[in-house]
Amino acid sequence: MIHLLITLTLIGQAVLLILTGIATWWCSGELMLWLIWMVGEEYALGADNAIRLEGGGTLLTNPGAMIRWTIPFWGLAFLQMSSGVSLGLVAWSRFRKHGSSSQEDTST
């Protein structure tokens, strides 16, 4: 019984890691804008590429630099999803191993 509980916990954690990775990947654009805002637009993109508007807005005109600021979030999302898949495979192999041994124990 304890093996089943541990396996279900591992599967739940794997699913949550995969969902967190998907959410990180999905929101990477907003996270990039937040990170650029925290660091400062002029520093992140270059002073010539952050154009201040009269209404208080800012035009960000360096797509290459914006992609470079997005890559860490893509890496984090990949790490989360691959960790979830790895954990799920461990849980699945654990389930198969202990599931087959418990069936053998009940048949004898």
PDB file of N, CA and C in Angstrom:
ATOM      1  N   MET A   1       0.825  -1.202   0.000  1.00  0.00           N
ATOM      2  CA  MET A   1       0.000   0.000   0.000  1.00  0.00           C
ATOM      3  C   MET A   1       0.867   1.263   0.000  1.00  0.00           C
ATOM      4  N   ILE A   2       1.956   1.241   0.782  1.00  0.00           N
ATOM      5  CA  ILE A   2       2.827   2.420   0.857  1.00  0.00           C
ATOM      6  C   ILE A   2       3.499   2.678  -0.486  1.00  0.00           C
ATOM      7  N   HIS A   3       3.792   1.590  -1.235  1.00  0.00           N
ATOM      8  CA  HIS A   3       4.412   1.761  -2.553  1.00  0.00           C
ATOM      9  C   HIS A   3       3.468   2.479  -3.513  1.00  0.00           C
ATOM     10  N   LEU A   4       2.198   2.154  -3.417  1.00  0.00           N
ATOM     11  CA  LEU A   4       1.205   2.815  -4.268  1.00  0.00           C
ATOM     12  C   LEU A   4       1.093   4.295  -3.915  1.00  0.00           C
ATOM     13  N   LEU A   5       1.117   4.614  -2.632  1.00  0.00           N
ATOM     14  CA  LEU A   5       1.032   6.012  -2.195  1.00  0.00           C
ATOM     15  C   LEU A   5       2.243   6.809  -2.672  1.00  0.00           C
ATOM     16  N   ILE A   6       3.427   6.226  -2.550  1.00  0.00           N
ATOM     17  CA  ILE A   6       4.638   6.903  -3.017  1.00  0.00           C
ATOM     18  C   ILE A   6       4.598   7.088  -4.525  1.00  0.00           C
ATOM     19  N   THR A   7       4.155   6.062  -5.241  1.00  0.00           N
ATOM     20  CA  THR A   7       4.073   6.147  -6.700  1.00  0.00           C
ATOM     21  C   THR A   7       3.088   7.223  -7.133  1.00  0.00           C
ATOM     22  N   LEU A   8       1.941   7.280  -6.481  1.00  0.00           N
ATOM     23  CA  LEU A   8       0.951   8.311  -6.821  1.00  0.00           C
ATOM     24  C   LEU A   8       1.479   9.711  -6.512  1.00  0.00           C
ATOM     25  N   THR A   9       2.238   9.847  -5.429  1.00  0.00           N
ATOM     26  CA  THR A   9       2.853  11.132  -5.100  1.00  0.00           C
ATOM     27  C   THR A   9       3.855  11.537  -6.174  1.00  0.00           C
ATOM     28  N   LEU A  10       4.674  10.577  -6.621  1.00  0.00           N
ATOM     29  CA  LEU A  10       5.645  10.871  -7.673  1.00  0.00           C
ATOM     30  C   LEU A  10       4.956  11.262  -8.975  1.00  0.00           C
ATOM     31  N   ILE A  11       3.891  10.575  -9.315  1.00  0.00           N
ATOM     32  CA  ILE A  11       3.154  10.901 -10.543  1.00  0.00           C
ATOM     33  C   ILE A  11       2.534  12.293 -10.433  1.00  0.00           C
ATOM     34  N   GLY A  12       1.982  12.618  -9.261  1.00  0.00           N
ATOM     35  CA  GLY A  12       1.416  13.962  -9.055  1.00  0.00           C
ATOM     36  C   GLY A  12       2.469  15.049  -9.190  1.00  0.00           C
ATOM     37  N   GLN A  13       3.646  14.806  -8.622  1.00  0.00           N
ATOM     38  CA  GLN A  13       4.728  15.775  -8.745  1.00  0.00           C
ATOM     39  C   GLN A  13       5.190  15.904 -10.189  1.00  0.00           C
ATOM     40  N   ALA A  14       5.236  14.794 -10.916  1.00  0.00           N
ATOM     41  CA  ALA A  14       5.640  14.842 -12.327  1.00  0.00           C
ATOM     42  C   ALA A  14       4.645  15.662 -13.139  1.00  0.00           C
ATOM     43  N   VAL A  15       3.370  15.447 -12.901  1.00  0.00           N
ATOM     44  CA  VAL A  15       2.340  16.201 -13.626  1.00  0.00           C
ATOM     45  C   VAL A  15       2.448  17.688 -13.309  1.00  0.00           C
ATOM     46  N   LEU A  16       2.660  18.024 -12.031  1.00  0.00           N
ATOM     47  CA  LEU A  16       2.790  19.436 -11.658  1.00  0.00           C
ATOM     48  C   LEU A  16       4.037  20.074 -12.275  1.00  0.00           C
ATOM     49  N   LEU A  17       5.139  19.335 -12.342  1.00  0.00           N
ATOM     50  CA  LEU A  17       6.338  19.871 -12.993  1.00  0.00           C
ATOM     51  C   LEU A  17       6.094  20.135 -14.474  1.00  0.00           C
ATOM     52  N   ILE A  18       5.435  19.212 -15.137  1.00  0.00           N
ATOM     53  CA  ILE A  18       5.146  19.395 -16.566  1.00  0.00           C
ATOM     54  C   ILE A  18       4.217  20.584 -16.776  1.00  0.00           C
ATOM     55  N   LEU A  19       3.186  20.707 -15.946  1.00  0.00           N
ATOM     56  CA  LEU A  19       2.263  21.839 -16.077  1.00  0.00           C
ATOM     57  C   LEU A  19       2.950  23.169 -15.768  1.00  0.00           C
ATOM     58  N   THR A  20       3.845  23.173 -14.791  1.00  0.00           N
ATOM     59  CA  THR A  20       4.593  24.382 -14.474  1.00  0.00           C
ATOM     60  C   THR A  20       5.505  24.766 -15.636  1.00  0.00           C
ATOM     61  N   GLY A  21       6.129  23.781 -16.266  1.00  0.00           N
ATOM     62  CA  GLY A  21       6.966  24.046 -17.434  1.00  0.00           C
ATOM     63  C   GLY A  21       6.166  24.622 -18.589  1.00  0.00           C
ATOM     64  N   ILE A  22       4.984  24.078 -18.806  1.00  0.00           N
ATOM     65  CA  ILE A  22       4.122  24.594 -19.875  1.00  0.00           C
ATOM     66  C   ILE A  22       3.706  26.035 -19.563  1.00  0.00           C
ATOM     67  N   ALA A  23       3.368  26.306 -18.308  1.00  0.00           N
ATOM     68  CA  ALA A  23       2.979  27.673 -17.922  1.00  0.00           C
ATOM     69  C   ALA A  23       4.148  28.636 -18.066  1.00  0.00           C
ATOM     70  N   THR A  24       5.349  28.198 -17.694  1.00  0.00           N
ATOM     71  CA  THR A  24       6.530  29.055 -17.840  1.00  0.00           C
ATOM     72  C   THR A  24       6.796  29.348 -19.302  1.00  0.00           C
ATOM     73  N   TRP A  25       6.701  28.328 -20.148  1.00  0.00           N
ATOM     74  CA  TRP A  25       6.915  28.523 -21.584  1.00  0.00           C
ATOM     75  C   TRP A  25       5.828  29.446 -22.156  1.00  0.00           C
ATOM     76  N   TRP A  26       4.587  29.230 -21.761  1.00  0.00           N
ATOM     77  CA  TRP A  26       3.472  30.007 -22.290  1.00  0.00           C
ATOM     78  C   TRP A  26       3.601  31.489 -21.906  1.00  0.00           C
ATOM     79  N   CYS A  27       4.078  31.761 -20.693  1.00  0.00           N
ATOM     80  CA  CYS A  27       4.184  33.139 -20.187  1.00  0.00           C
ATOM     81  C   CYS A  27       5.578  33.726 -20.365  1.00  0.00           C
ATOM     82  N   SER A  28       6.434  33.095 -21.151  1.00  0.00           N
ATOM     83  CA  SER A  28       7.819  33.556 -21.263  1.00  0.00           C
ATOM     84  C   SER A  28       7.907  34.978 -21.825  1.00  0.00           C
ATOM     85  N   GLY A  29       6.991  35.362 -22.686  1.00  0.00           N
ATOM     86  CA  GLY A  29       6.993  36.724 -23.221  1.00  0.00           C
ATOM     87  C   GLY A  29       6.726  37.763 -22.142  1.00  0.00           C
ATOM     88  N   GLU A  30       5.729  37.485 -21.302  1.00  0.00           N
ATOM     89  CA  GLU A  30       5.429  38.406 -20.212  1.00  0.00           C
ATOM     90  C   GLU A  30       6.547  38.408 -19.176  1.00  0.00           C
ATOM     91  N   LEU A  31       7.128  37.232 -18.917  1.00  0.00           N
ATOM     92  CA  LEU A  31       8.244  37.158 -17.970  1.00  0.00           C
ATOM     93  C   LEU A  31       9.450  37.927 -18.490  1.00  0.00           C
ATOM     94  N   MET A  32       9.693  37.857 -19.803  1.00  0.00           N
ATOM     95  CA  MET A  32      10.791  38.609 -20.406  1.00  0.00           C
ATOM     96  C   MET A  32      10.562  40.106 -20.237  1.00  0.00           C
ATOM     97  N   LEU A  33       9.354  40.569 -20.494  1.00  0.00           N
ATOM     98  CA  LEU A  33       9.065  42.000 -20.323  1.00  0.00           C
ATOM     99  C   LEU A  33       9.222  42.427 -18.869  1.00  0.00           C
ATOM    100  N   TRP A  34       8.803  41.569 -17.941  1.00  0.00           N
ATOM    101  CA  TRP A  34       8.976  41.872 -16.520  1.00  0.00           C
ATOM    102  C   TRP A  34      10.452  41.965 -16.158  1.00  0.00           C
ATOM    103  N   LEU A  35      11.263  41.022 -16.659  1.00  0.00           N
ATOM    104  CA  LEU A  35      12.687  41.033 -16.353  1.00  0.00           C
ATOM    105  C   LEU A  35      13.366  42.265 -16.944  1.00  0.00           C
ATOM    106  N   ILE A  36      13.012  42.618 -18.171  1.00  0.00           N
ATOM    107  CA  ILE A  36      13.565  43.823 -18.794  1.00  0.00           C
ATOM    108  C   ILE A  36      13.149  45.059 -18.000  1.00  0.00           C
ATOM    109  N   TRP A  37      11.910  45.097 -17.530  1.00  0.00           N
ATOM    110  CA  TRP A  37      11.445  46.226 -16.726  1.00  0.00           C
ATOM    111  C   TRP A  37      12.218  46.309 -15.411  1.00  0.00           C
ATOM    112  N   MET A  38      12.493  45.133 -14.782  1.00  0.00           N
ATOM    113  CA  MET A  38      13.236  45.111 -13.516  1.00  0.00           C
ATOM    114  C   MET A  38      14.672  45.607 -13.704  1.00  0.00           C
ATOM    115  N   VAL A  39      15.300  45.204 -14.800  1.00  0.00           N
ATOM    116  CA  VAL A  39      16.689  45.587 -15.061  1.00  0.00           C
ATOM    117  C   VAL A  39      16.770  47.012 -15.589  1.00  0.00           C
ATOM    118  N   GLY A  40      15.791  47.372 -16.376  1.00  0.00           N
ATOM    119  CA  GLY A  40      15.777  48.686 -17.026  1.00  0.00           C
ATOM    120  C   GLY A  40      15.871  48.492 -18.531  1.00  0.00           C
ATOM    121  N   GLU A  41      14.957  49.133 -19.246  1.00  0.00           N
ATOM    122  CA  GLU A  41      14.895  48.944 -20.695  1.00  0.00           C
ATOM    123  C   GLU A  41      16.186  49.386 -21.385  1.00  0.00           C
ATOM    124  N   GLU A  42      16.711  50.527 -20.955  1.00  0.00           N
ATOM    125  CA  GLU A  42      17.916  51.046 -21.602  1.00  0.00           C
ATOM    126  C   GLU A  42      19.104  50.107 -21.398  1.00  0.00           C
ATOM    127  N   TYR A  43      19.219  49.542 -20.215  1.00  0.00           N
ATOM    128  CA  TYR A  43      20.330  48.628 -19.932  1.00  0.00           C
ATOM    129  C   TYR A  43      20.150  47.312 -20.697  1.00  0.00           C
ATOM    130  N   ALA A  44      18.936  46.787 -20.714  1.00  0.00           N
ATOM    131  CA  ALA A  44      18.684  45.479 -21.322  1.00  0.00           C
ATOM    132  C   ALA A  44      18.773  45.520 -22.847  1.00  0.00           C
ATOM    133  N   LEU A  45      18.257  46.562 -23.458  1.00  0.00           N
ATOM    134  CA  LEU A  45      18.158  46.600 -24.921  1.00  0.00           C
ATOM    135  C   LEU A  45      19.097  47.611 -25.567  1.00  0.00           C
ATOM    136  N   GLY A  46      19.694  48.440 -24.778  1.00  0.00           N
ATOM    137  CA  GLY A  46      20.510  49.528 -25.324  1.00  0.00           C
ATOM    138  C   GLY A  46      19.709  50.810 -25.303  1.00  0.00           C
ATOM    139  N   ALA A  47      20.390  51.917 -25.032  1.00  0.00           N
ATOM    140  CA  ALA A  47      19.705  53.205 -24.889  1.00  0.00           C
ATOM    141  C   ALA A  47      18.994  53.633 -26.173  1.00  0.00           C
ATOM    142  N   ASP A  48      19.550  53.308 -27.339  1.00  0.00           N
ATOM    143  CA  ASP A  48      18.927  53.706 -28.608  1.00  0.00           C
ATOM    144  C   ASP A  48      17.697  52.868 -28.937  1.00  0.00           C
ATOM    145  N   ASN A  49      17.530  51.724 -28.280  1.00  0.00           N
ATOM    146  CA  ASN A  49      16.444  50.803 -28.619  1.00  0.00           C
ATOM    147  C   ASN A  49      15.256  50.889 -27.675  1.00  0.00           C
ATOM    148  N   ALA A  50      15.313  51.747 -26.690  1.00  0.00           N
ATOM    149  CA  ALA A  50      14.184  51.979 -25.790  1.00  0.00           C
ATOM    150  C   ALA A  50      13.724  53.418 -25.999  1.00  0.00           C
ATOM    151  N   ILE A  51      12.644  53.576 -26.748  1.00  0.00           N
ATOM    152  CA  ILE A  51      12.146  54.898 -27.115  1.00  0.00           C
ATOM    153  C   ILE A  51      11.002  55.265 -26.177  1.00  0.00           C
ATOM    154  N   ARG A  52      11.169  56.340 -25.434  1.00  0.00           N
ATOM    155  CA  ARG A  52      10.144  56.819 -24.504  1.00  0.00           C
ATOM    156  C   ARG A  52       9.108  57.641 -25.261  1.00  0.00           C
ATOM    157  N   LEU A  53       7.840  57.374 -24.994  1.00  0.00           N
ATOM    158  CA  LEU A  53       6.736  58.105 -25.606  1.00  0.00           C
ATOM    159  C   LEU A  53       6.238  59.182 -24.646  1.00  0.00           C
ATOM    160  N   GLU A  54       5.532  60.164 -25.198  1.00  0.00           N
ATOM    161  CA  GLU A  54       5.034  61.268 -24.387  1.00  0.00           C
ATOM    162  C   GLU A  54       4.021  60.808 -23.350  1.00  0.00           C
ATOM    163  N   GLY A  55       3.259  59.789 -23.653  1.00  0.00           N
ATOM    164  CA  GLY A  55       2.232  59.301 -22.722  1.00  0.00           C
ATOM    165  C   GLY A  55       2.791  58.439 -21.600  1.00  0.00           C
ATOM    166  N   GLY A  56       4.081  58.233 -21.566  1.00  0.00           N
ATOM    167  CA  GLY A  56       4.683  57.432 -20.503  1.00  0.00           C
ATOM    168  C   GLY A  56       5.030  56.016 -20.926  1.00  0.00           C
ATOM    169  N   GLY A  57       4.649  55.629 -22.131  1.00  0.00           N
ATOM    170  CA  GLY A  57       4.956  54.290 -22.616  1.00  0.00           C
ATOM    171  C   GLY A  57       6.370  54.195 -23.165  1.00  0.00           C
ATOM    172  N   THR A  58       6.761  53.001 -23.504  1.00  0.00           N
ATOM    173  CA  THR A  58       8.091  52.759 -24.049  1.00  0.00           C
ATOM    174  C   THR A  58       7.983  51.808 -25.227  1.00  0.00           C
ATOM    175  N   LEU A  59       8.635  52.152 -26.317  1.00  0.00           N
ATOM    176  CA  LEU A  59       8.744  51.245 -27.457  1.00  0.00           C
ATOM    177  C   LEU A  59      10.070  50.491 -27.338  1.00  0.00           C
ATOM    178  N   LEU A  60       9.990  49.163 -27.385  1.00  0.00           N
ATOM    179  CA  LEU A  60      11.185  48.328 -27.321  1.00  0.00           C
ATOM    180  C   LEU A  60      11.480  47.847 -28.740  1.00  0.00           C
ATOM    181  N   THR A  61      12.633  48.257 -29.289  1.00  0.00           N
ATOM    182  CA  THR A  61      12.877  48.044 -30.715  1.00  0.00           C
ATOM    183  C   THR A  61      14.102  47.188 -31.008  1.00  0.00           C
ATOM    184  N   ASN A  62      14.433  46.246 -30.126  1.00  0.00           N
ATOM    185  CA  ASN A  62      15.563  45.365 -30.375  1.00  0.00           C
ATOM    186  C   ASN A  62      15.115  43.919 -30.177  1.00  0.00           C
ATOM    187  N   PRO A  63      14.545  43.299 -31.228  1.00  0.00           N
ATOM    188  CA  PRO A  63      14.007  41.947 -31.057  1.00  0.00           C
ATOM    189  C   PRO A  63      15.075  40.906 -30.726  1.00  0.00           C
ATOM    190  N   GLY A  64      16.296  41.092 -31.226  1.00  0.00           N
ATOM    191  CA  GLY A  64      17.353  40.137 -30.900  1.00  0.00           C
ATOM    192  C   GLY A  64      17.662  40.101 -29.418  1.00  0.00           C
ATOM    193  N   ALA A  65      17.746  41.275 -28.807  1.00  0.00           N
ATOM    194  CA  ALA A  65      18.001  41.347 -27.371  1.00  0.00           C
ATOM    195  C   ALA A  65      16.808  40.824 -26.581  1.00  0.00           C
ATOM    196  N   MET A  66      15.607  41.061 -27.078  1.00  0.00           N
ATOM    197  CA  MET A  66      14.427  40.557 -26.384  1.00  0.00           C
ATOM    198  C   MET A  66      14.413  39.031 -26.383  1.00  0.00           C
ATOM    199  N   ILE A  67      14.829  38.421 -27.477  1.00  0.00           N
ATOM    200  CA  ILE A  67      14.911  36.955 -27.523  1.00  0.00           C
ATOM    201  C   ILE A  67      15.973  36.461 -26.543  1.00  0.00           C
ATOM    202  N   ARG A  68      17.105  37.160 -26.468  1.00  0.00           N
ATOM    203  CA  ARG A  68      18.149  36.760 -25.514  1.00  0.00           C
ATOM    204  C   ARG A  68      17.646  36.837 -24.078  1.00  0.00           C
ATOM    205  N   TRP A  69      16.764  37.764 -23.769  1.00  0.00           N
ATOM    206  CA  TRP A  69      16.204  37.859 -22.425  1.00  0.00           C
ATOM    207  C   TRP A  69      15.096  36.829 -22.203  1.00  0.00           C
ATOM    208  N   THR A  70      14.568  36.241 -23.283  1.00  0.00           N
ATOM    209  CA  THR A  70      13.533  35.212 -23.175  1.00  0.00           C
ATOM    210  C   THR A  70      14.131  33.820 -23.025  1.00  0.00           C
ATOM    211  N   ILE A  71      15.321  33.599 -23.574  1.00  0.00           N
ATOM    212  CA  ILE A  71      15.942  32.266 -23.583  1.00  0.00           C
ATOM    213  C   ILE A  71      16.065  31.656 -22.182  1.00  0.00           C
ATOM    214  N   PRO A  72      16.419  32.401 -21.138  1.00  0.00           N
ATOM    215  CA  PRO A  72      16.474  31.755 -19.813  1.00  0.00           C
ATOM    216  C   PRO A  72      15.138  31.148 -19.376  1.00  0.00           C
ATOM    217  N   PHE A  73      14.040  31.786 -19.743  1.00  0.00           N
ATOM    218  CA  PHE A  73      12.736  31.243 -19.375  1.00  0.00           C
ATOM    219  C   PHE A  73      12.404  30.004 -20.200  1.00  0.00           C
ATOM    220  N   TRP A  74      12.824  29.984 -21.469  1.00  0.00           N
ATOM    221  CA  TRP A  74      12.655  28.780 -22.274  1.00  0.00           C
ATOM    222  C   TRP A  74      13.474  27.638 -21.694  1.00  0.00           C
ATOM    223  N   GLY A  75      14.691  27.945 -21.250  1.00  0.00           N
ATOM    224  CA  GLY A  75      15.531  26.923 -20.628  1.00  0.00           C
ATOM    225  C   GLY A  75      14.912  26.389 -19.344  1.00  0.00           C
ATOM    226  N   LEU A  76      14.370  27.290 -18.529  1.00  0.00           N
ATOM    227  CA  LEU A  76      13.714  26.873 -17.299  1.00  0.00           C
ATOM    228  C   LEU A  76      12.491  26.000 -17.605  1.00  0.00           C
ATOM    229  N   ALA A  77      11.709  26.385 -18.603  1.00  0.00           N
ATOM    230  CA  ALA A  77      10.539  25.596 -18.977  1.00  0.00           C
ATOM    231  C   ALA A  77      10.953  24.209 -19.461  1.00  0.00           C
ATOM    232  N   PHE A  78      12.008  24.140 -20.270  1.00  0.00           N
ATOM    233  CA  PHE A  78      12.496  22.841 -20.745  1.00  0.00           C
ATOM    234  C   PHE A  78      12.972  21.990 -19.579  1.00  0.00           C
ATOM    235  N   LEU A  79      13.681  22.604 -18.643  1.00  0.00           N
ATOM    236  CA  LEU A  79      14.170  21.877 -17.476  1.00  0.00           C
ATOM    237  C   LEU A  79      13.011  21.337 -16.641  1.00  0.00           C
ATOM    238  N   GLN A  80      11.985  22.150 -16.445  1.00  0.00           N
ATOM    239  CA  GLN A  80      10.832  21.710 -15.660  1.00  0.00           C
ATOM    240  C   GLN A  80      10.101  20.560 -16.355  1.00  0.00           C
ATOM    241  N   MET A  81       9.881  20.699 -17.660  1.00  0.00           N
ATOM    242  CA  MET A  81       9.156  19.648 -18.374  1.00  0.00           C
ATOM    243  C   MET A  81       9.968  18.362 -18.467  1.00  0.00           C
ATOM    244  N   SER A  82      11.267  18.452 -18.734  1.00  0.00           N
ATOM    245  CA  SER A  82      12.080  17.244 -18.821  1.00  0.00           C
ATOM    246  C   SER A  82      12.220  16.577 -17.452  1.00  0.00           C
ATOM    247  N   SER A  83      12.285  17.374 -16.391  1.00  0.00           N
ATOM    248  CA  SER A  83      12.312  16.795 -15.043  1.00  0.00           C
ATOM    249  C   SER A  83      11.000  16.080 -14.731  1.00  0.00           C
ATOM    250  N   GLY A  84       9.903  16.663 -15.155  1.00  0.00           N
ATOM    251  CA  GLY A  84       8.608  16.017 -14.953  1.00  0.00           C
ATOM    252  C   GLY A  84       8.495  14.710 -15.704  1.00  0.00           C
ATOM    253  N   VAL A  85       8.983  14.688 -16.940  1.00  0.00           N
ATOM    254  CA  VAL A  85       8.958  13.449 -17.718  1.00  0.00           C
ATOM    255  C   VAL A  85       9.852  12.403 -17.062  1.00  0.00           C
ATOM    256  N   SER A  86      11.047  12.801 -16.633  1.00  0.00           N
ATOM    257  CA  SER A  86      11.961  11.862 -15.973  1.00  0.00           C
ATOM    258  C   SER A  86      11.348  11.307 -14.693  1.00  0.00           C
ATOM    259  N   LEU A  87      10.765  12.174 -13.895  1.00  0.00           N
ATOM    260  CA  LEU A  87      10.125  11.730 -12.663  1.00  0.00           C
ATOM    261  C   LEU A  87       8.940  10.814 -12.963  1.00  0.00           C
ATOM    262  N   GLY A  88       8.205  11.134 -14.014  1.00  0.00           N
ATOM    263  CA  GLY A  88       7.092  10.272 -14.415  1.00  0.00           C
ATOM    264  C   GLY A  88       7.557   8.894 -14.856  1.00  0.00           C
ATOM    265  N   LEU A  89       8.670   8.840 -15.567  1.00  0.00           N
ATOM    266  CA  LEU A  89       9.209   7.540 -15.973  1.00  0.00           C
ATOM    267  C   LEU A  89       9.682   6.731 -14.769  1.00  0.00           C
ATOM    268  N   VAL A  90      10.294   7.403 -13.799  1.00  0.00           N
ATOM    269  CA  VAL A  90      10.710   6.714 -12.571  1.00  0.00           C
ATOM    270  C   VAL A  90       9.481   6.174 -11.837  1.00  0.00           C
ATOM    271  N   ALA A  91       8.451   6.981 -11.739  1.00  0.00           N
ATOM    272  CA  ALA A  91       7.228   6.547 -11.064  1.00  0.00           C
ATOM    273  C   ALA A  91       6.589   5.374 -11.801  1.00  0.00           C
ATOM    274  N   TRP A  92       6.583   5.454 -13.122  1.00  0.00           N
ATOM    275  CA  TRP A  92       5.983   4.367 -13.910  1.00  0.00           C
ATOM    276  C   TRP A  92       6.761   3.066 -13.737  1.00  0.00           C
ATOM    277  N   SER A  93       8.093   3.142 -13.770  1.00  0.00           N
ATOM    278  CA  SER A  93       8.891   1.925 -13.587  1.00  0.00           C
ATOM    279  C   SER A  93       8.721   1.386 -12.170  1.00  0.00           C
ATOM    280  N   ARG A  94       8.609   2.288 -11.193  1.00  0.00           N
ATOM    281  CA  ARG A  94       8.382   1.860  -9.809  1.00  0.00           C
ATOM    282  C   ARG A  94       7.021   1.176  -9.683  1.00  0.00           C
ATOM    283  N   PHE A  95       6.031   1.728 -10.334  1.00  0.00           N
ATOM    284  CA  PHE A  95       4.694   1.144 -10.297  1.00  0.00           C
ATOM    285  C   PHE A  95       4.691  -0.243 -10.926  1.00  0.00           C
ATOM    286  N   ARG A  96       5.353  -0.370 -12.072  1.00  0.00           N
ATOM    287  CA  ARG A  96       5.392  -1.676 -12.751  1.00  0.00           C
ATOM    288  C   ARG A  96       6.153  -2.704 -11.923  1.00  0.00           C
ATOM    289  N   LYS A  97       7.250  -2.271 -11.312  1.00  0.00           N
ATOM    290  CA  LYS A  97       8.071  -3.186 -10.514  1.00  0.00           C
ATOM    291  C   LYS A  97       7.302  -3.679  -9.286  1.00  0.00           C
ATOM    292  N   HIS A  98       6.741  -2.743  -8.526  1.00  0.00           N
ATOM    293  CA  HIS A  98       6.039  -3.132  -7.302  1.00  0.00           C
ATOM    294  C   HIS A  98       4.641  -3.666  -7.592  1.00  0.00           C
ATOM    295  N   GLY A  99       4.046  -3.236  -8.688  1.00  0.00           N
ATOM    296  CA  GLY A  99       2.738  -3.763  -9.048  1.00  0.00           C
ATOM    297  C   GLY A  99       2.815  -5.231  -9.418  1.00  0.00           C
ATOM    298  N   SER A 100       3.838  -5.620 -10.186  1.00  0.00           N
ATOM    299  CA  SER A 100       3.976  -7.018 -10.580  1.00  0.00           C
ATOM    300  C   SER A 100       4.393  -7.882  -9.396  1.00  0.00           C
ATOM    301  N   SER A 101       5.214  -7.365  -8.475  1.00  0.00           N
ATOM    302  CA  SER A 101       5.638  -8.163  -7.312  1.00  0.00           C
ATOM    303  C   SER A 101       4.489  -8.356  -6.347  1.00  0.00           C
ATOM    304  N   SER A 102       3.599  -7.375  -6.218  1.00  0.00           N
ATOM    305  CA  SER A 102       2.463  -7.542  -5.313  1.00  0.00           C
ATOM    306  C   SER A 102       1.452  -8.525  -5.876  1.00  0.00           C
ATOM    307  N   GLN A 103       1.330  -8.590  -7.206  1.00  0.00           N
ATOM    308  CA  GLN A 103       0.446  -9.568  -7.805  1.00  0.00           C
ATOM    309  C   GLN A 103       0.973 -10.979  -7.619  1.00  0.00           C
ATOM    310  N   GLU A 104       2.305 -11.135  -7.702  1.00  0.00           N
ATOM    311  CA  GLU A 104       2.919 -12.437  -7.505  1.00  0.00           C
ATOM    312  C   GLU A 104       2.759 -12.880  -6.048  1.00  0.00           C
ATOM    313  N   ASP A 105       2.840 -11.932  -5.096  1.00  0.00           N
ATOM    314  CA  ASP A 105       2.737 -12.277  -3.686  1.00  0.00           C
ATOM    315  C   ASP A 105       1.330 -12.760  -3.344  1.00  0.00           C
ATOM    316  N   THR A 106       0.314 -12.192  -3.966  1.00  0.00           N
ATOM    317  CA  THR A 106      -1.052 -12.578  -3.651  1.00  0.00           C
ATOM    318  C   THR A 106      -1.418 -13.903  -4.293  1.00  0.00           C
ATOM    319  N   SER A 107      -0.734 -14.296  -5.357  1.00  0.00           N
ATOM    320  CA  SER A 107      -1.078 -15.542  -6.035  1.00  0.00           C
ATOM    321  C   SER A 107      -0.460 -16.762  -5.358  1.00  0.00           C
ATOM    322  N   THR A 108       0.543 -16.566  -4.482  1.00  0.00           N
ATOM    323  CA  THR A 108       1.178 -17.722  -3.828  1.00  0.00           C
ATOM    324  C   THR A 108       0.556 -18.067  -2.529  1.00  0.00           C
TER     325      THR A 108
END
